[in-house]
Amino acid sequence: MNVEWLNGEFSVCRIRDAGDADLSVPFTFFAVTDTEKSLVCPTEACPANALKREDGWRCFRLPGPLDFSLVGVLAKITGCLRDAGIPVFAVSTYDTDYVLVRSADAERAAASLSALS
């Protein structure tokens, strides 16, 4: 399967509110739920006052835009990575799915994904 790896490393954070983050940085994802505010961003853009922070992630995206009627695309990718013992963190936008893997697993992930057709 053809995937596009993004440059650089990413961090997954828990923050107090949106004002703590620079939401104009490309490949920044901000989510609000009833229990938390989460941020995924390039590591160099991670707020210094993050409540919790996990550094050391690489990110790839699936070729898009992906039609909403498609079934199982993300399941196929995450299943392949599961079979290789690689944990994932997934984020979806309107057009595209993004999958993050730990930097230490990026080469294995790329090799596993290249076997998908």
PDB file of N, CA and C in Angstrom:
ATOM      1  N   MET A   1       0.850  -1.187   0.000  1.00  0.00           N
ATOM      2  CA  MET A   1       0.000   0.000   0.000  1.00  0.00           C
ATOM      3  C   MET A   1       0.887   1.238   0.000  1.00  0.00           C
ATOM      4  N   ASN A   2       0.531   2.190  -0.799  1.00  0.00           N
ATOM      5  CA  ASN A   2       1.294   3.420  -0.901  1.00  0.00           C
ATOM      6  C   ASN A   2       0.865   4.383   0.207  1.00  0.00           C
ATOM      7  N   VAL A   3       1.816   4.748   1.059  1.00  0.00           N
ATOM      8  CA  VAL A   3       1.562   5.737   2.097  1.00  0.00           C
ATOM      9  C   VAL A   3       2.607   6.835   1.971  1.00  0.00           C
ATOM     10  N   GLU A   4       2.281   7.999   2.476  1.00  0.00           N
ATOM     11  CA  GLU A   4       3.207   9.133   2.429  1.00  0.00           C
ATOM     12  C   GLU A   4       3.659   9.470   3.843  1.00  0.00           C
ATOM     13  N   TRP A   5       4.957   9.307   4.094  1.00  0.00           N
ATOM     14  CA  TRP A   5       5.516   9.631   5.408  1.00  0.00           C
ATOM     15  C   TRP A   5       5.751  11.133   5.497  1.00  0.00           C
ATOM     16  N   LEU A   6       5.327  11.726   6.593  1.00  0.00           N
ATOM     17  CA  LEU A   6       5.564  13.148   6.829  1.00  0.00           C
ATOM     18  C   LEU A   6       6.951  13.335   7.424  1.00  0.00           C
ATOM     19  N   ASN A   7       7.535  14.485   7.192  1.00  0.00           N
ATOM     20  CA  ASN A   7       8.858  14.781   7.729  1.00  0.00           C
ATOM     21  C   ASN A   7       8.788  15.077   9.227  1.00  0.00           C
ATOM     22  N   GLY A   8       9.831  14.731   9.943  1.00  0.00           N
ATOM     23  CA  GLY A   8       9.972  15.106  11.342  1.00  0.00           C
ATOM     24  C   GLY A   8       9.265  14.171  12.298  1.00  0.00           C
ATOM     25  N   GLU A   9       9.415  14.512  13.573  1.00  0.00           N
ATOM     26  CA  GLU A   9       8.789  13.743  14.645  1.00  0.00           C
ATOM     27  C   GLU A   9       7.602  14.510  15.208  1.00  0.00           C
ATOM     28  N   PHE A  10       6.704  13.746  15.821  1.00  0.00           N
ATOM     29  CA  PHE A  10       5.477  14.307  16.372  1.00  0.00           C
ATOM     30  C   PHE A  10       5.357  13.980  17.851  1.00  0.00           C
ATOM     31  N   SER A  11       4.529  14.763  18.530  1.00  0.00           N
ATOM     32  CA  SER A  11       4.226  14.538  19.941  1.00  0.00           C
ATOM     33  C   SER A  11       2.723  14.463  20.114  1.00  0.00           C
ATOM     34  N   VAL A  12       2.303  13.677  21.092  1.00  0.00           N
ATOM     35  CA  VAL A  12       0.897  13.570  21.482  1.00  0.00           C
ATOM     36  C   VAL A  12       0.820  14.143  22.893  1.00  0.00           C
ATOM     37  N   CYS A  13      -0.050  15.136  23.084  1.00  0.00           N
ATOM     38  CA  CYS A  13      -0.077  15.876  24.345  1.00  0.00           C
ATOM     39  C   CYS A  13      -1.493  16.002  24.902  1.00  0.00           C
ATOM     40  N   ARG A  14      -1.542  16.218  26.194  1.00  0.00           N
ATOM     41  CA  ARG A  14      -2.769  16.667  26.849  1.00  0.00           C
ATOM     42  C   ARG A  14      -2.485  18.104  27.288  1.00  0.00           C
ATOM     43  N   ILE A  15      -3.391  19.023  26.928  1.00  0.00           N
ATOM     44  CA  ILE A  15      -3.190  20.436  27.262  1.00  0.00           C
ATOM     45  C   ILE A  15      -4.412  20.995  27.988  1.00  0.00           C
ATOM     46  N   ARG A  16      -4.230  22.182  28.586  1.00  0.00           N
ATOM     47  CA  ARG A  16      -5.329  22.818  29.328  1.00  0.00           C
ATOM     48  C   ARG A  16      -6.413  23.361  28.390  1.00  0.00           C
ATOM     49  N   ASP A  17      -5.989  24.100  27.339  1.00  0.00           N
ATOM     50  CA  ASP A  17      -6.956  24.634  26.379  1.00  0.00           C
ATOM     51  C   ASP A  17      -6.263  24.994  25.074  1.00  0.00           C
ATOM     52  N   ALA A  18      -7.048  25.351  24.080  1.00  0.00           N
ATOM     53  CA  ALA A  18      -6.525  25.620  22.743  1.00  0.00           C
ATOM     54  C   ALA A  18      -5.530  26.773  22.733  1.00  0.00           C
ATOM     55  N   GLY A  19      -5.657  27.692  23.665  1.00  0.00           N
ATOM     56  CA  GLY A  19      -4.736  28.826  23.737  1.00  0.00           C
ATOM     57  C   GLY A  19      -3.307  28.419  24.028  1.00  0.00           C
ATOM     58  N   ASP A  20      -3.119  27.210  24.524  1.00  0.00           N
ATOM     59  CA  ASP A  20      -1.769  26.717  24.805  1.00  0.00           C
ATOM     60  C   ASP A  20      -1.049  26.247  23.541  1.00  0.00           C
ATOM     61  N   ALA A  21      -1.772  26.091  22.436  1.00  0.00           N
ATOM     62  CA  ALA A  21      -1.200  25.504  21.221  1.00  0.00           C
ATOM     63  C   ALA A  21      -1.232  26.498  20.074  1.00  0.00           C
ATOM     64  N   ASP A  22      -0.275  26.355  19.171  1.00  0.00           N
ATOM     65  CA  ASP A  22      -0.287  27.121  17.931  1.00  0.00           C
ATOM     66  C   ASP A  22      -0.994  26.261  16.887  1.00  0.00           C
ATOM     67  N   LEU A  23      -2.274  26.491  16.707  1.00  0.00           N
ATOM     68  CA  LEU A  23      -3.083  25.673  15.806  1.00  0.00           C
ATOM     69  C   LEU A  23      -2.867  25.999  14.330  1.00  0.00           C
ATOM     70  N   SER A  24      -1.992  26.960  14.040  1.00  0.00           N
ATOM     71  CA  SER A  24      -1.693  27.286  12.643  1.00  0.00           C
ATOM     72  C   SER A  24      -0.552  26.444  12.084  1.00  0.00           C
ATOM     73  N   VAL A  25       0.123  25.676  12.929  1.00  0.00           N
ATOM     74  CA  VAL A  25       1.233  24.834  12.479  1.00  0.00           C
ATOM     75  C   VAL A  25       0.667  23.660  11.675  1.00  0.00           C
ATOM     76  N   PRO A  26       1.177  23.436  10.443  1.00  0.00           N
ATOM     77  CA  PRO A  26       0.685  22.294   9.664  1.00  0.00           C
ATOM     78  C   PRO A  26       0.849  20.970  10.419  1.00  0.00           C
ATOM     79  N   PHE A  27      -0.095  20.077  10.193  1.00  0.00           N
ATOM     80  CA  PHE A  27      -0.146  18.756  10.815  1.00  0.00           C
ATOM     81  C   PHE A  27      -0.302  18.853  12.337  1.00  0.00           C
ATOM     82  N   THR A  28      -1.145  19.792  12.754  1.00  0.00           N
ATOM     83  CA  THR A  28      -1.517  19.926  14.154  1.00  0.00           C
ATOM     84  C   THR A  28      -2.981  19.528  14.264  1.00  0.00           C
ATOM     85  N   PHE A  29      -3.262  18.622  15.186  1.00  0.00           N
ATOM     86  CA  PHE A  29      -4.613  18.118  15.393  1.00  0.00           C
ATOM     87  C   PHE A  29      -5.005  18.402  16.832  1.00  0.00           C
ATOM     88  N   PHE A  30      -6.165  19.018  17.032  1.00  0.00           N
ATOM     89  CA  PHE A  30      -6.639  19.383  18.368  1.00  0.00           C
ATOM     90  C   PHE A  30      -8.020  18.786  18.559  1.00  0.00           C
ATOM     91  N   ALA A  31      -8.226  18.117  19.679  1.00  0.00           N
ATOM     92  CA  ALA A  31      -9.525  17.491  19.965  1.00  0.00           C
ATOM     93  C   ALA A  31      -9.971  17.852  21.369  1.00  0.00           C
ATOM     94  N   VAL A  32     -11.275  18.082  21.490  1.00  0.00           N
ATOM     95  CA  VAL A  32     -11.879  18.373  22.785  1.00  0.00           C
ATOM     96  C   VAL A  32     -12.956  17.331  23.029  1.00  0.00           C
ATOM     97  N   THR A  33     -12.884  16.680  24.186  1.00  0.00           N
ATOM     98  CA  THR A  33     -13.948  15.765  24.602  1.00  0.00           C
ATOM     99  C   THR A  33     -14.483  16.248  25.935  1.00  0.00           C
ATOM    100  N   ASP A  34     -15.374  15.471  26.519  1.00  0.00           N
ATOM    101  CA  ASP A  34     -15.910  15.872  27.815  1.00  0.00           C
ATOM    102  C   ASP A  34     -14.903  15.672  28.947  1.00  0.00           C
ATOM    103  N   THR A  35     -13.786  14.984  28.684  1.00  0.00           N
ATOM    104  CA  THR A  35     -12.809  14.710  29.746  1.00  0.00           C
ATOM    105  C   THR A  35     -11.408  15.248  29.485  1.00  0.00           C
ATOM    106  N   GLU A  36     -11.125  15.700  28.261  1.00  0.00           N
ATOM    107  CA  GLU A  36      -9.757  16.166  27.998  1.00  0.00           C
ATOM    108  C   GLU A  36      -9.668  17.008  26.742  1.00  0.00           C
ATOM    109  N   LYS A  37      -8.516  17.644  26.606  1.00  0.00           N
ATOM    110  CA  LYS A  37      -8.134  18.361  25.393  1.00  0.00           C
ATOM    111  C   LYS A  37      -6.803  17.764  24.955  1.00  0.00           C
ATOM    112  N   SER A  38      -6.778  17.231  23.740  1.00  0.00           N
ATOM    113  CA  SER A  38      -5.590  16.560  23.237  1.00  0.00           C
ATOM    114  C   SER A  38      -5.043  17.294  22.022  1.00  0.00           C
ATOM    115  N   LEU A  39      -3.738  17.194  21.866  1.00  0.00           N
ATOM    116  CA  LEU A  39      -3.039  17.847  20.772  1.00  0.00           C
ATOM    117  C   LEU A  39      -2.026  16.868  20.191  1.00  0.00           C
ATOM    118  N   VAL A  40      -2.020  16.759  18.868  1.00  0.00           N
ATOM    119  CA  VAL A  40      -0.976  16.039  18.153  1.00  0.00           C
ATOM    120  C   VAL A  40      -0.330  17.081  17.256  1.00  0.00           C
ATOM    121  N   CYS A  41       1.007  17.194  17.340  1.00  0.00           N
ATOM    122  CA  CYS A  41       1.685  18.246  16.585  1.00  0.00           C
ATOM    123  C   CYS A  41       3.147  17.879  16.369  1.00  0.00           C
ATOM    124  N   PRO A  42       3.805  18.591  15.438  1.00  0.00           N
ATOM    125  CA  PRO A  42       5.243  18.399  15.329  1.00  0.00           C
ATOM    126  C   PRO A  42       5.891  18.686  16.693  1.00  0.00           C
ATOM    127  N   THR A  43       6.866  17.899  17.050  1.00  0.00           N
ATOM    128  CA  THR A  43       7.472  18.008  18.381  1.00  0.00           C
ATOM    129  C   THR A  43       7.962  19.418  18.671  1.00  0.00           C
ATOM    130  N   GLU A  44       8.546  20.072  17.674  1.00  0.00           N
ATOM    131  CA  GLU A  44       9.066  21.428  17.926  1.00  0.00           C
ATOM    132  C   GLU A  44       7.954  22.431  18.213  1.00  0.00           C
ATOM    133  N   ALA A  45       6.698  22.099  17.923  1.00  0.00           N
ATOM    134  CA  ALA A  45       5.572  22.994  18.192  1.00  0.00           C
ATOM    135  C   ALA A  45       4.816  22.625  19.460  1.00  0.00           C
ATOM    136  N   CYS A  46       5.297  21.626  20.186  1.00  0.00           N
ATOM    137  CA  CYS A  46       4.610  21.177  21.399  1.00  0.00           C
ATOM    138  C   CYS A  46       4.689  22.260  22.476  1.00  0.00           C
ATOM    139  N   PRO A  47       3.560  22.606  23.102  1.00  0.00           N
ATOM    140  CA  PRO A  47       3.588  23.639  24.130  1.00  0.00           C
ATOM    141  C   PRO A  47       4.434  23.210  25.338  1.00  0.00           C
ATOM    142  N   ALA A  48       5.205  24.144  25.844  1.00  0.00           N
ATOM    143  CA  ALA A  48       6.068  23.867  26.998  1.00  0.00           C
ATOM    144  C   ALA A  48       5.255  23.527  28.242  1.00  0.00           C
ATOM    145  N   ASN A  49       4.022  24.023  28.299  1.00  0.00           N
ATOM    146  CA  ASN A  49       3.190  23.792  29.491  1.00  0.00           C
ATOM    147  C   ASN A  49       2.196  22.632  29.320  1.00  0.00           C
ATOM    148  N   ALA A  50       2.487  21.705  28.412  1.00  0.00           N
ATOM    149  CA  ALA A  50       1.601  20.539  28.231  1.00  0.00           C
ATOM    150  C   ALA A  50       1.472  19.790  29.550  1.00  0.00           C
ATOM    151  N   LEU A  51       0.263  19.340  29.862  1.00  0.00           N
ATOM    152  CA  LEU A  51       0.023  18.599  31.101  1.00  0.00           C
ATOM    153  C   LEU A  51       0.680  17.226  31.057  1.00  0.00           C
ATOM    154  N   LYS A  52       0.594  16.570  29.910  1.00  0.00           N
ATOM    155  CA  LYS A  52       1.240  15.282  29.653  1.00  0.00           C
ATOM    156  C   LYS A  52       1.733  15.323  28.223  1.00  0.00           C
ATOM    157  N   ARG A  53       2.775  14.522  27.947  1.00  0.00           N
ATOM    158  CA  ARG A  53       3.376  14.603  26.623  1.00  0.00           C
ATOM    159  C   ARG A  53       4.086  13.292  26.292  1.00  0.00           C
ATOM    160  N   GLU A  54       3.836  12.791  25.083  1.00  0.00           N
ATOM    161  CA  GLU A  54       4.521  11.609  24.546  1.00  0.00           C
ATOM    162  C   GLU A  54       5.225  12.041  23.271  1.00  0.00           C
ATOM    163  N   ASP A  55       6.535  12.093  23.306  1.00  0.00           N
ATOM    164  CA  ASP A  55       7.320  12.441  22.126  1.00  0.00           C
ATOM    165  C   ASP A  55       7.720  11.168  21.378  1.00  0.00           C
ATOM    166  N   GLY A  56       8.326  11.351  20.209  1.00  0.00           N
ATOM    167  CA  GLY A  56       8.925  10.235  19.502  1.00  0.00           C
ATOM    168  C   GLY A  56       7.979   9.470  18.597  1.00  0.00           C
ATOM    169  N   TRP A  57       7.108  10.168  17.872  1.00  0.00           N
ATOM    170  CA  TRP A  57       6.185   9.535  16.937  1.00  0.00           C
ATOM    171  C   TRP A  57       6.526   9.978  15.523  1.00  0.00           C
ATOM    172  N   ARG A  58       6.333   9.091  14.560  1.00  0.00           N
ATOM    173  CA  ARG A  58       6.397   9.404  13.132  1.00  0.00           C
ATOM    174  C   ARG A  58       4.982   9.264  12.589  1.00  0.00           C
ATOM    175  N   CYS A  59       4.711   9.980  11.517  1.00  0.00           N
ATOM    176  CA  CYS A  59       3.346  10.019  10.987  1.00  0.00           C
ATOM    177  C   CYS A  59       3.352   9.756   9.485  1.00  0.00           C
ATOM    178  N   PHE A  60       2.370   8.967   9.044  1.00  0.00           N
ATOM    179  CA  PHE A  60       2.140   8.807   7.608  1.00  0.00           C
ATOM    180  C   PHE A  60       0.668   9.021   7.323  1.00  0.00           C
ATOM    181  N   ARG A  61       0.399   9.355   6.075  1.00  0.00           N
ATOM    182  CA  ARG A  61      -0.993   9.535   5.670  1.00  0.00           C
ATOM    183  C   ARG A  61      -1.309   8.607   4.515  1.00  0.00           C
ATOM    184  N   LEU A  62      -2.582   8.283   4.429  1.00  0.00           N
ATOM    185  CA  LEU A  62      -3.072   7.466   3.330  1.00  0.00           C
ATOM    186  C   LEU A  62      -3.380   8.394   2.168  1.00  0.00           C
ATOM    187  N   PRO A  63      -3.167   7.933   0.939  1.00  0.00           N
ATOM    188  CA  PRO A  63      -3.484   8.792  -0.194  1.00  0.00           C
ATOM    189  C   PRO A  63      -4.959   9.182  -0.146  1.00  0.00           C
ATOM    190  N   GLY A  64      -5.252  10.408  -0.364  1.00  0.00           N
ATOM    191  CA  GLY A  64      -6.635  10.853  -0.285  1.00  0.00           C
ATOM    192  C   GLY A  64      -6.936  11.814  -1.412  1.00  0.00           C
ATOM    193  N   PRO A  65      -8.109  12.388  -1.402  1.00  0.00           N
ATOM    194  CA  PRO A  65      -9.118  12.221  -0.356  1.00  0.00           C
ATOM    195  C   PRO A  65      -9.782  10.845  -0.394  1.00  0.00           C
ATOM    196  N   LEU A  66     -10.165  10.403   0.794  1.00  0.00           N
ATOM    197  CA  LEU A  66     -10.835   9.115   0.941  1.00  0.00           C
ATOM    198  C   LEU A  66     -12.344   9.347   1.022  1.00  0.00           C
ATOM    199  N   ASP A  67     -13.084   8.641   0.212  1.00  0.00           N
ATOM    200  CA  ASP A  67     -14.534   8.763   0.202  1.00  0.00           C
ATOM    201  C   ASP A  67     -15.119   8.158   1.472  1.00  0.00           C
ATOM    202  N   PHE A  68     -16.143   8.788   2.025  1.00  0.00           N
ATOM    203  CA  PHE A  68     -16.778   8.295   3.254  1.00  0.00           C
ATOM    204  C   PHE A  68     -17.420   6.921   3.078  1.00  0.00           C
ATOM    205  N   SER A  69     -17.674   6.507   1.840  1.00  0.00           N
ATOM    206  CA  SER A  69     -18.306   5.211   1.622  1.00  0.00           C
ATOM    207  C   SER A  69     -17.301   4.049   1.661  1.00  0.00           C
ATOM    208  N   LEU A  70     -16.004   4.357   1.674  1.00  0.00           N
ATOM    209  CA  LEU A  70     -14.997   3.298   1.748  1.00  0.00           C
ATOM    210  C   LEU A  70     -15.075   2.595   3.091  1.00  0.00           C
ATOM    211  N   VAL A  71     -14.929   1.290   3.061  1.00  0.00           N
ATOM    212  CA  VAL A  71     -15.029   0.488   4.280  1.00  0.00           C
ATOM    213  C   VAL A  71     -13.717  -0.255   4.516  1.00  0.00           C
ATOM    214  N   GLY A  72     -13.202  -0.175   5.733  1.00  0.00           N
ATOM    215  CA  GLY A  72     -12.090  -1.021   6.136  1.00  0.00           C
ATOM    216  C   GLY A  72     -10.696  -0.550   5.796  1.00  0.00           C
ATOM    217  N   VAL A  73     -10.537   0.654   5.257  1.00  0.00           N
ATOM    218  CA  VAL A  73      -9.203   1.119   4.873  1.00  0.00           C
ATOM    219  C   VAL A  73      -8.306   1.232   6.107  1.00  0.00           C
ATOM    220  N   LEU A  74      -8.769   1.945   7.105  1.00  0.00           N
ATOM    221  CA  LEU A  74      -7.977   2.115   8.326  1.00  0.00           C
ATOM    222  C   LEU A  74      -7.803   0.783   9.058  1.00  0.00           C
ATOM    223  N   ALA A  75      -8.832  -0.060   9.025  1.00  0.00           N
ATOM    224  CA  ALA A  75      -8.740  -1.384   9.662  1.00  0.00           C
ATOM    225  C   ALA A  75      -7.672  -2.240   9.000  1.00  0.00           C
ATOM    226  N   LYS A  76      -7.563  -2.154   7.683  1.00  0.00           N
ATOM    227  CA  LYS A  76      -6.552  -2.924   6.962  1.00  0.00           C
ATOM    228  C   LYS A  76      -5.146  -2.492   7.388  1.00  0.00           C
ATOM    229  N   ILE A  77      -4.947  -1.189   7.487  1.00  0.00           N
ATOM    230  CA  ILE A  77      -3.632  -0.659   7.870  1.00  0.00           C
ATOM    231  C   ILE A  77      -3.308  -0.988   9.320  1.00  0.00           C
ATOM    232  N   THR A  78      -4.244  -0.713  10.211  1.00  0.00           N
ATOM    233  CA  THR A  78      -3.960  -0.969  11.625  1.00  0.00           C
ATOM    234  C   THR A  78      -3.854  -2.465  11.901  1.00  0.00           C
ATOM    235  N   GLY A  79      -4.586  -3.285  11.156  1.00  0.00           N
ATOM    236  CA  GLY A  79      -4.467  -4.737  11.306  1.00  0.00           C
ATOM    237  C   GLY A  79      -3.086  -5.224  10.895  1.00  0.00           C
ATOM    238  N   CYS A  80      -2.567  -4.677   9.819  1.00  0.00           N
ATOM    239  CA  CYS A  80      -1.221  -5.027   9.355  1.00  0.00           C
ATOM    240  C   CYS A  80      -0.187  -4.652  10.414  1.00  0.00           C
ATOM    241  N   LEU A  81      -0.328  -3.471  10.976  1.00  0.00           N
ATOM    242  CA  LEU A  81       0.618  -3.024  12.000  1.00  0.00           C
ATOM    243  C   LEU A  81       0.436  -3.811  13.295  1.00  0.00           C
ATOM    244  N   ARG A  82      -0.795  -4.155  13.623  1.00  0.00           N
ATOM    245  CA  ARG A  82      -1.052  -5.007  14.795  1.00  0.00           C
ATOM    246  C   ARG A  82      -0.333  -6.338  14.637  1.00  0.00           C
ATOM    247  N   ASP A  83      -0.441  -6.937  13.461  1.00  0.00           N
ATOM    248  CA  ASP A  83       0.199  -8.226  13.211  1.00  0.00           C
ATOM    249  C   ASP A  83       1.717  -8.135  13.353  1.00  0.00           C
ATOM    250  N   ALA A  84       2.281  -6.954  13.124  1.00  0.00           N
ATOM    251  CA  ALA A  84       3.720  -6.741  13.271  1.00  0.00           C
ATOM    252  C   ALA A  84       4.088  -6.304  14.688  1.00  0.00           C
ATOM    253  N   GLY A  85       3.064  -6.194  15.569  1.00  0.00           N
ATOM    254  CA  GLY A  85       3.322  -5.796  16.953  1.00  0.00           C
ATOM    255  C   GLY A  85       3.649  -4.320  17.109  1.00  0.00           C
ATOM    256  N   ILE A  86       3.095  -3.497  16.231  1.00  0.00           N
ATOM    257  CA  ILE A  86       3.391  -2.060  16.240  1.00  0.00           C
ATOM    258  C   ILE A  86       2.170  -1.275  16.719  1.00  0.00           C
ATOM    259  N   PRO A  87       2.277  -0.593  17.868  1.00  0.00           N
ATOM    260  CA  PRO A  87       1.171   0.242  18.346  1.00  0.00           C
ATOM    261  C   PRO A  87       0.961   1.450  17.427  1.00  0.00           C
ATOM    262  N   VAL A  88      -0.271   1.912  17.337  1.00  0.00           N
ATOM    263  CA  VAL A  88      -0.596   3.057  16.488  1.00  0.00           C
ATOM    264  C   VAL A  88      -1.428   4.080  17.252  1.00  0.00           C
ATOM    265  N   PHE A  89      -1.426   5.278  16.707  1.00  0.00           N
ATOM    266  CA  PHE A  89      -2.301   6.359  17.139  1.00  0.00           C
ATOM    267  C   PHE A  89      -2.845   6.949  15.849  1.00  0.00           C
ATOM    268  N   ALA A  90      -4.143   6.913  15.637  1.00  0.00           N
ATOM    269  CA  ALA A  90      -4.735   7.360  14.370  1.00  0.00           C
ATOM    270  C   ALA A  90      -5.516   8.649  14.548  1.00  0.00           C
ATOM    271  N   VAL A  91      -5.458   9.492  13.516  1.00  0.00           N
ATOM    272  CA  VAL A  91      -6.202  10.744  13.468  1.00  0.00           C
ATOM    273  C   VAL A  91      -6.813  10.846  12.078  1.00  0.00           C
ATOM    274  N   SER A  92      -8.060  11.231  12.017  1.00  0.00           N
ATOM    275  CA  SER A  92      -8.705  11.400  10.714  1.00  0.00           C
ATOM    276  C   SER A  92      -9.173  12.829  10.535  1.00  0.00           C
ATOM    277  N   THR A  93      -9.071  13.311   9.294  1.00  0.00           N
ATOM    278  CA  THR A  93      -9.617  14.604   8.930  1.00  0.00           C
ATOM    279  C   THR A  93     -10.747  14.357   7.928  1.00  0.00           C
ATOM    280  N   TYR A  94     -11.292  15.393   7.384  1.00  0.00           N
ATOM    281  CA  TYR A  94     -12.390  15.232   6.440  1.00  0.00           C
ATOM    282  C   TYR A  94     -11.964  14.388   5.239  1.00  0.00           C
ATOM    283  N   ASP A  95     -10.769  14.633   4.703  1.00  0.00           N
ATOM    284  CA  ASP A  95     -10.311  13.963   3.491  1.00  0.00           C
ATOM    285  C   ASP A  95      -9.342  12.808   3.705  1.00  0.00           C
ATOM    286  N   THR A  96      -8.649  12.771   4.821  1.00  0.00           N
ATOM    287  CA  THR A  96      -7.480  11.904   4.926  1.00  0.00           C
ATOM    288  C   THR A  96      -7.368  11.261   6.299  1.00  0.00           C
ATOM    289  N   ASP A  97      -6.796  10.060   6.324  1.00  0.00           N
ATOM    290  CA  ASP A  97      -6.459   9.392   7.587  1.00  0.00           C
ATOM    291  C   ASP A  97      -4.956   9.482   7.798  1.00  0.00           C
ATOM    292  N   TYR A  98      -4.571   9.758   9.036  1.00  0.00           N
ATOM    293  CA  TYR A  98      -3.166   9.838   9.431  1.00  0.00           C
ATOM    294  C   TYR A  98      -2.931   8.791  10.504  1.00  0.00           C
ATOM    295  N   VAL A  99      -1.787   8.122  10.437  1.00  0.00           N
ATOM    296  CA  VAL A  99      -1.450   7.104  11.421  1.00  0.00           C
ATOM    297  C   VAL A  99      -0.066   7.425  11.963  1.00  0.00           C
ATOM    298  N   LEU A 100       0.030   7.438  13.282  1.00  0.00           N
ATOM    299  CA  LEU A 100       1.313   7.667  13.931  1.00  0.00           C
ATOM    300  C   LEU A 100       1.806   6.367  14.534  1.00  0.00           C
ATOM    301  N   VAL A 101       3.104   6.127  14.394  1.00  0.00           N
ATOM    302  CA  VAL A 101       3.774   4.994  15.012  1.00  0.00           C
ATOM    303  C   VAL A 101       4.994   5.540  15.736  1.00  0.00           C
ATOM    304  N   ARG A 102       5.446   4.837  16.742  1.00  0.00           N
ATOM    305  CA  ARG A 102       6.650   5.283  17.442  1.00  0.00           C
ATOM    306  C   ARG A 102       7.821   5.309  16.461  1.00  0.00           C
ATOM    307  N   SER A 103       8.675   6.286  16.633  1.00  0.00           N
ATOM    308  CA  SER A 103       9.813   6.458  15.728  1.00  0.00           C
ATOM    309  C   SER A 103      10.648   5.184  15.626  1.00  0.00           C
ATOM    310  N   ALA A 104      10.819   4.487  16.738  1.00  0.00           N
ATOM    311  CA  ALA A 104      11.611   3.254  16.750  1.00  0.00           C
ATOM    312  C   ALA A 104      10.973   2.158  15.895  1.00  0.00           C
ATOM    313  N   ASP A 105       9.670   2.264  15.640  1.00  0.00           N
ATOM    314  CA  ASP A 105       8.950   1.257  14.846  1.00  0.00           C
ATOM    315  C   ASP A 105       8.731   1.677  13.397  1.00  0.00           C
ATOM    316  N   ALA A 106       9.172   2.869  13.006  1.00  0.00           N
ATOM    317  CA  ALA A 106       8.836   3.412  11.686  1.00  0.00           C
ATOM    318  C   ALA A 106       9.358   2.549  10.543  1.00  0.00           C
ATOM    319  N   GLU A 107      10.590   2.074  10.637  1.00  0.00           N
ATOM    320  CA  GLU A 107      11.127   1.246   9.546  1.00  0.00           C
ATOM    321  C   GLU A 107      10.367  -0.066   9.424  1.00  0.00           C
ATOM    322  N   ARG A 108      10.070  -0.706  10.568  1.00  0.00           N
ATOM    323  CA  ARG A 108       9.289  -1.954  10.530  1.00  0.00           C
ATOM    324  C   ARG A 108       7.901  -1.699   9.982  1.00  0.00           C
ATOM    325  N   ALA A 109       7.306  -0.563  10.373  1.00  0.00           N
ATOM    326  CA  ALA A 109       5.963  -0.218   9.871  1.00  0.00           C
ATOM    327  C   ALA A 109       5.998  -0.049   8.365  1.00  0.00           C
ATOM    328  N   ALA A 110       6.996   0.670   7.863  1.00  0.00           N
ATOM    329  CA  ALA A 110       7.096   0.886   6.408  1.00  0.00           C
ATOM    330  C   ALA A 110       7.250  -0.453   5.676  1.00  0.00           C
ATOM    331  N   ALA A 111       8.060  -1.339   6.220  1.00  0.00           N
ATOM    332  CA  ALA A 111       8.251  -2.649   5.595  1.00  0.00           C
ATOM    333  C   ALA A 111       6.964  -3.456   5.604  1.00  0.00           C
ATOM    334  N   SER A 112       6.245  -3.431   6.729  1.00  0.00           N
ATOM    335  CA  SER A 112       4.975  -4.161   6.832  1.00  0.00           C
ATOM    336  C   SER A 112       3.945  -3.615   5.862  1.00  0.00           C
ATOM    337  N   LEU A 113       3.861  -2.300   5.754  1.00  0.00           N
ATOM    338  CA  LEU A 113       2.875  -1.666   4.873  1.00  0.00           C
ATOM    339  C   LEU A 113       3.193  -1.903   3.408  1.00  0.00           C
ATOM    340  N   SER A 114       4.478  -2.025   3.072  1.00  0.00           N
ATOM    341  CA  SER A 114       4.830  -2.239   1.669  1.00  0.00           C
ATOM    342  C   SER A 114       4.357  -3.610   1.175  1.00  0.00           C
ATOM    343  N   ALA A 115       4.092  -4.535   2.112  1.00  0.00           N
ATOM    344  CA  ALA A 115       3.600  -5.854   1.736  1.00  0.00           C
ATOM    345  C   ALA A 115       2.109  -5.857   1.414  1.00  0.00           C
ATOM    346  N   LEU A 116       1.393  -4.791   1.820  1.00  0.00           N
ATOM    347  CA  LEU A 116      -0.045  -4.701   1.523  1.00  0.00           C
ATOM    348  C   LEU A 116      -0.231  -4.329   0.059  1.00  0.00           C
ATOM    349  N   SER A 117      -1.274  -4.874  -0.537  1.00  0.00           N
ATOM    350  CA  SER A 117      -1.559  -4.493  -1.929  1.00  0.00           C
ATOM    351  C   SER A 117      -2.816  -3.684  -2.005  1.00  0.00           C
TER     352      SER A 117
END
